[in-house]
C-alpha atoms as a PDB file:
ATOM      1  CA  UNK A   1    -106.728 133.579  36.835  1.00  0.00           C
ATOM      2  CA  UNK A   2    -105.252 131.429  34.051  1.00  0.00           C
ATOM      3  CA  UNK A   3    -105.308 127.647  34.227  1.00  0.00           C
ATOM      4  CA  UNK A   4    -101.668 127.366  33.037  1.00  0.00           C
ATOM      5  CA  UNK A   5     -99.060 130.067  33.530  1.00  0.00           C
ATOM      6  CA  UNK A   6     -96.102 130.946  31.267  1.00  0.00           C
ATOM      7  CA  UNK A   7     -93.949 128.181  32.823  1.00  0.00           C
ATOM      8  CA  UNK A   8     -96.564 125.500  32.027  1.00  0.00           C
ATOM      9  CA  UNK A   9     -97.733 125.012  35.625  1.00  0.00           C
ATOM     10  CA  UNK A  10    -101.386 124.343  36.375  1.00  0.00           C
ATOM     11  CA  UNK A  11    -102.800 127.039  38.675  1.00  0.00           C
ATOM     12  CA  UNK A  12     -99.208 128.134  39.269  1.00  0.00           C
ATOM     13  CA  UNK A  13     -98.466 125.030  41.352  1.00  0.00           C
ATOM     14  CA  UNK A  14     -97.754 121.871  39.268  1.00  0.00           C
ATOM     15  CA  UNK A  15     -96.187 121.333  35.857  1.00  0.00           C
ATOM     16  CA  UNK A  16     -98.430 119.729  33.203  1.00  0.00           C
ATOM     17  CA  UNK A  17     -95.735 117.160  32.294  1.00  0.00           C
ATOM     18  CA  UNK A  18     -95.321 116.189  35.966  1.00  0.00           C
ATOM     19  CA  UNK A  19     -99.081 115.745  36.278  1.00  0.00           C
ATOM     20  CA  UNK A  20     -99.199 113.479  33.209  1.00  0.00           C
ATOM     21  CA  UNK A  21     -96.337 111.370  34.606  1.00  0.00           C
ATOM     22  CA  UNK A  22     -98.157 111.021  37.945  1.00  0.00           C
ATOM     23  CA  UNK A  23    -101.376 109.974  36.166  1.00  0.00           C
ATOM     24  CA  UNK A  24     -99.520 107.346  34.094  1.00  0.00           C
ATOM     25  CA  UNK A  25     -97.826 105.933  37.221  1.00  0.00           C
ATOM     26  CA  UNK A  26    -101.160 105.747  39.098  1.00  0.00           C
ATOM     27  CA  UNK A  27    -102.792 104.017  36.126  1.00  0.00           C
ATOM     28  CA  UNK A  28     -99.960 101.452  35.993  1.00  0.00           C
ATOM     29  CA  UNK A  29    -100.271 100.753  39.729  1.00  0.00           C
ATOM     30  CA  UNK A  30    -104.061 100.322  39.441  1.00  0.00           C
ATOM     31  CA  UNK A  31    -103.622  97.990  36.470  1.00  0.00           C
ATOM     32  CA  UNK A  32    -101.053  95.874  38.362  1.00  0.00           C
ATOM     33  CA  UNK A  33    -103.302  95.586  41.432  1.00  0.00           C
ATOM     34  CA  UNK A  34    -106.354  94.535  39.417  1.00  0.00           C
ATOM     35  CA  UNK A  35    -104.368  92.209  37.137  1.00  0.00           C
ATOM     36  CA  UNK A  36    -102.046  90.451  39.574  1.00  0.00           C
ATOM     37  CA  UNK A  37    -103.234  90.926  43.158  1.00  0.00           C
ATOM     38  CA  UNK A  38    -107.031  90.719  43.198  1.00  0.00           C
ATOM     39  CA  UNK A  39    -107.655  87.694  40.890  1.00  0.00           C
ATOM     40  CA  UNK A  40    -105.198  85.497  42.798  1.00  0.00           C
ATOM     41  CA  UNK A  41    -106.801  85.860  46.184  1.00  0.00           C
ATOM     42  CA  UNK A  42    -108.765  82.921  47.501  1.00  0.00           C
ATOM     43  CA  UNK A  43    -112.480  83.550  47.869  1.00  0.00           C
ATOM     44  CA  UNK A  44    -113.137  80.526  50.013  1.00  0.00           C
ATOM     45  CA  UNK A  45    -111.757  77.827  52.191  1.00  0.00           C
ATOM     46  CA  UNK A  46    -109.800  74.906  50.774  1.00  0.00           C
ATOM     47  CA  UNK A  47    -111.773  71.668  50.542  1.00  0.00           C
ATOM     48  CA  UNK A  48    -110.867  68.081  49.772  1.00  0.00           C
ATOM     49  CA  UNK A  49    -111.703  67.062  46.210  1.00  0.00           C
ATOM     50  CA  UNK A  50    -111.299  63.877  44.226  1.00  0.00           C
ATOM     51  CA  UNK A  51    -109.984  64.878  40.788  1.00  0.00           C
ATOM     52  CA  UNK A  52    -110.372  62.243  38.053  1.00  0.00           C
ATOM     53  CA  UNK A  53    -107.926  62.518  35.146  1.00  0.00           C
ATOM     54  CA  UNK A  54    -108.200  60.634  31.839  1.00  0.00           C
ATOM     55  CA  UNK A  55    -105.564  59.912  29.212  1.00  0.00           C
ATOM     56  CA  UNK A  56    -106.970  58.354  26.036  1.00  0.00           C
ATOM     57  CA  UNK A  57    -103.752  56.960  24.570  1.00  0.00           C
ATOM     58  CA  UNK A  58    -100.648  56.477  26.669  1.00  0.00           C
ATOM     59  CA  UNK A  59     -97.833  54.046  26.009  1.00  0.00           C
ATOM     60  CA  UNK A  60     -98.344  51.006  28.243  1.00  0.00           C
ATOM     61  CA  UNK A  61     -94.839  51.294  29.720  1.00  0.00           C
ATOM     62  CA  UNK A  62     -95.561  54.894  30.772  1.00  0.00           C
ATOM     63  CA  UNK A  63     -98.933  54.074  32.335  1.00  0.00           C
ATOM     64  CA  UNK A  64     -97.432  51.204  34.317  1.00  0.00           C
ATOM     65  CA  UNK A  65     -95.002  53.612  36.038  1.00  0.00           C
ATOM     66  CA  UNK A  66     -97.804  55.513  37.821  1.00  0.00           C
ATOM     67  CA  UNK A  67     -98.232  54.294  41.390  1.00  0.00           C
ATOM     68  CA  UNK A  68    -100.640  55.035  44.249  1.00  0.00           C
ATOM     69  CA  UNK A  69     -99.110  57.796  46.391  1.00  0.00           C
ATOM     70  CA  UNK A  70     -97.254  59.496  43.512  1.00  0.00           C
ATOM     71  CA  UNK A  71     -97.464  63.278  43.384  1.00  0.00           C
ATOM     72  CA  UNK A  72     -99.099  64.691  40.241  1.00  0.00           C
ATOM     73  CA  UNK A  73     -97.744  68.014  38.984  1.00  0.00           C
ATOM     74  CA  UNK A  74     -99.135  70.211  36.178  1.00  0.00           C
ATOM     75  CA  UNK A  75     -96.081  71.072  34.096  1.00  0.00           C
ATOM     76  CA  UNK A  76     -97.586  74.073  32.286  1.00  0.00           C
ATOM     77  CA  UNK A  77     -98.871  75.959  35.339  1.00  0.00           C
ATOM     78  CA  UNK A  78     -96.347  74.601  37.890  1.00  0.00           C
ATOM     79  CA  UNK A  79     -99.109  73.380  40.220  1.00  0.00           C
ATOM     80  CA  UNK A  80     -99.080  70.355  42.545  1.00  0.00           C
ATOM     81  CA  UNK A  81    -102.487  68.779  41.831  1.00  0.00           C
ATOM     82  CA  UNK A  82    -102.435  66.159  44.586  1.00  0.00           C
ATOM     83  CA  UNK A  83    -101.513  62.519  45.148  1.00  0.00           C
ATOM     84  CA  UNK A  84    -102.586  59.435  43.235  1.00  0.00           C
ATOM     85  CA  UNK A  85    -105.406  57.584  44.996  1.00  0.00           C
ATOM     86  CA  UNK A  86    -105.923  54.947  42.281  1.00  0.00           C
ATOM     87  CA  UNK A  87    -104.801  54.111  38.747  1.00  0.00           C
ATOM     88  CA  UNK A  88    -106.847  52.117  36.242  1.00  0.00           C
ATOM     89  CA  UNK A  89    -105.240  50.974  33.003  1.00  0.00           C
ATOM     90  CA  UNK A  90    -107.803  50.165  30.296  1.00  0.00           C
ATOM     91  CA  UNK A  91    -107.301  48.539  26.890  1.00  0.00           C
ATOM     92  CA  UNK A  92    -107.299  50.924  23.940  1.00  0.00           C
ATOM     93  CA  UNK A  93    -109.317  49.713  20.988  1.00  0.00           C
ATOM     94  CA  UNK A  94    -108.010  50.607  17.508  1.00  0.00           C
ATOM     95  CA  UNK A  95    -110.016  50.477  14.298  1.00  0.00           C
ATOM     96  CA  UNK A  96    -108.342  49.689  11.019  1.00  0.00           C
ATOM     97  CA  UNK A  97    -109.289  48.387   7.586  1.00  0.00           C
ATOM     98  CA  UNK A  98    -109.386  44.605   7.244  1.00  0.00           C
ATOM     99  CA  UNK A  99    -108.235  42.672   4.184  1.00  0.00           C
ATOM    100  CA  UNK A 100    -111.701  42.875   2.649  1.00  0.00           C
ATOM    101  CA  UNK A 101    -112.015  46.633   3.281  1.00  0.00           C
ATOM    102  CA  UNK A 102    -114.317  46.399   6.299  1.00  0.00           C
ATOM    103  CA  UNK A 103    -113.496  48.002   9.641  1.00  0.00           C
ATOM    104  CA  UNK A 104    -111.776  45.759  12.153  1.00  0.00           C
ATOM    105  CA  UNK A 105    -111.491  46.719  15.838  1.00  0.00           C
ATOM    106  CA  UNK A 106    -108.600  45.241  17.799  1.00  0.00           C
ATOM    107  CA  UNK A 107    -106.908  45.910  21.124  1.00  0.00           C
ATOM    108  CA  UNK A 108    -103.737  47.984  20.823  1.00  0.00           C
ATOM    109  CA  UNK A 109    -100.548  46.149  21.719  1.00  0.00           C
ATOM    110  CA  UNK A 110     -98.709  49.140  23.100  1.00  0.00           C
ATOM    111  CA  UNK A 111    -101.242  51.927  23.805  1.00  0.00           C
ATOM    112  CA  UNK A 112    -103.678  52.006  26.733  1.00  0.00           C
ATOM    113  CA  UNK A 113    -106.165  54.432  28.276  1.00  0.00           C
ATOM    114  CA  UNK A 114    -105.493  55.535  31.852  1.00  0.00           C
ATOM    115  CA  UNK A 115    -107.833  56.811  34.568  1.00  0.00           C
ATOM    116  CA  UNK A 116    -106.022  58.443  37.495  1.00  0.00           C
ATOM    117  CA  UNK A 117    -107.938  59.428  40.624  1.00  0.00           C
ATOM    118  CA  UNK A 118    -106.249  62.087  42.780  1.00  0.00           C
ATOM    119  CA  UNK A 119    -106.744  63.294  46.310  1.00  0.00           C
ATOM    120  CA  UNK A 120    -106.657  67.057  45.719  1.00  0.00           C
ATOM    121  CA  UNK A 121    -107.307  70.121  47.796  1.00  0.00           C
ATOM    122  CA  UNK A 122    -108.490  73.486  46.522  1.00  0.00           C
ATOM    123  CA  UNK A 123    -111.064  76.229  46.640  1.00  0.00           C
ATOM    124  CA  UNK A 124    -114.425  75.239  45.167  1.00  0.00           C
ATOM    125  CA  UNK A 125    -115.627  77.777  42.604  1.00  0.00           C
ATOM    126  CA  UNK A 126    -118.558  78.064  40.243  1.00  0.00           C
ATOM    127  CA  UNK A 127    -116.525  76.710  37.316  1.00  0.00           C
ATOM    128  CA  UNK A 128    -114.311  74.132  39.036  1.00  0.00           C
ATOM    129  CA  UNK A 129    -111.493  73.993  41.558  1.00  0.00           C
ATOM    130  CA  UNK A 130    -108.811  76.626  42.123  1.00  0.00           C
ATOM    131  CA  UNK A 131    -105.466  75.160  43.161  1.00  0.00           C
ATOM    132  CA  UNK A 132    -102.574  77.552  43.838  1.00  0.00           C
ATOM    133  CA  UNK A 133    -104.335  80.299  41.859  1.00  0.00           C
ATOM    134  CA  UNK A 134    -105.061  78.135  38.777  1.00  0.00           C
ATOM    135  CA  UNK A 135    -108.589  77.062  37.852  1.00  0.00           C
ATOM    136  CA  UNK A 136    -109.269  73.464  36.781  1.00  0.00           C
ATOM    137  CA  UNK A 137    -112.571  72.074  35.471  1.00  0.00           C
ATOM    138  CA  UNK A 138    -113.897  69.103  33.535  1.00  0.00           C
ATOM    139  CA  UNK A 139    -112.341  69.074  30.063  1.00  0.00           C
ATOM    140  CA  UNK A 140    -109.188  70.966  31.121  1.00  0.00           C
ATOM    141  CA  UNK A 141    -106.241  69.537  29.146  1.00  0.00           C
ATOM    142  CA  UNK A 142    -102.681  69.569  30.453  1.00  0.00           C
ATOM    143  CA  UNK A 143     -99.340  67.835  30.550  1.00  0.00           C
ATOM    144  CA  UNK A 144     -98.627  66.298  33.936  1.00  0.00           C
ATOM    145  CA  UNK A 145     -95.909  64.384  35.679  1.00  0.00           C
ATOM    146  CA  UNK A 146     -97.206  61.508  37.799  1.00  0.00           C
ATOM    147  CA  UNK A 147     -94.301  59.939  39.605  1.00  0.00           C
ATOM    148  CA  UNK A 148     -91.814  59.214  36.802  1.00  0.00           C
ATOM    149  CA  UNK A 149     -94.425  59.286  34.026  1.00  0.00           C
ATOM    150  CA  UNK A 150     -95.354  62.241  31.812  1.00  0.00           C
ATOM    151  CA  UNK A 151     -98.822  62.284  30.221  1.00  0.00           C
ATOM    152  CA  UNK A 152    -101.039  64.600  28.218  1.00  0.00           C
ATOM    153  CA  UNK A 153    -104.539  64.209  29.667  1.00  0.00           C
ATOM    154  CA  UNK A 154    -107.854  65.789  30.609  1.00  0.00           C
ATOM    155  CA  UNK A 155    -109.731  66.428  33.816  1.00  0.00           C
ATOM    156  CA  UNK A 156    -112.696  64.060  33.567  1.00  0.00           C
ATOM    157  CA  UNK A 157    -114.561  65.051  36.722  1.00  0.00           C
ATOM    158  CA  UNK A 158    -114.343  66.666  40.150  1.00  0.00           C
ATOM    159  CA  UNK A 159    -115.978  64.937  43.099  1.00  0.00           C
ATOM    160  CA  UNK A 160    -116.280  67.099  46.196  1.00  0.00           C
ATOM    161  CA  UNK A 161    -116.092  65.528  49.632  1.00  0.00           C
ATOM    162  CA  UNK A 162    -119.284  65.956  51.666  1.00  0.00           C
ATOM    163  CA  UNK A 163    -118.937  68.353  54.599  1.00  0.00           C
END
């Protein structure tokens, strides 16, 4: 018995082209499941987490708009990170050359550093916290909206609530 007959059917039952199309469709479905369905599933229970965010240089007028209770939203990943628990505005020190050529450090008139502490909730993972399918860890940089302010900042630390 021949593997393919004169009409191009394997074992006289299925066309080779049809078989290749079926294989391509199955491969695409498998790829989609592994790419989009499996990685997004939560592997644990959501836990409370204190997320500390740090912005090195924000305009003072922007930092002063952030209030306790504001919602913080990651613009790039469209994720609600939590609500503001506290805001600390710190002076930003600038170094410039003095008249004699030496370095002079002064406090910036219009830039400040900002530490924002959030009440967040997410799934604790080996490398950080997963919120709405997105992983955040110390050093993660992002653009966020906090109330009416928009800042480019970093995750400074994650503090997990004791169970």
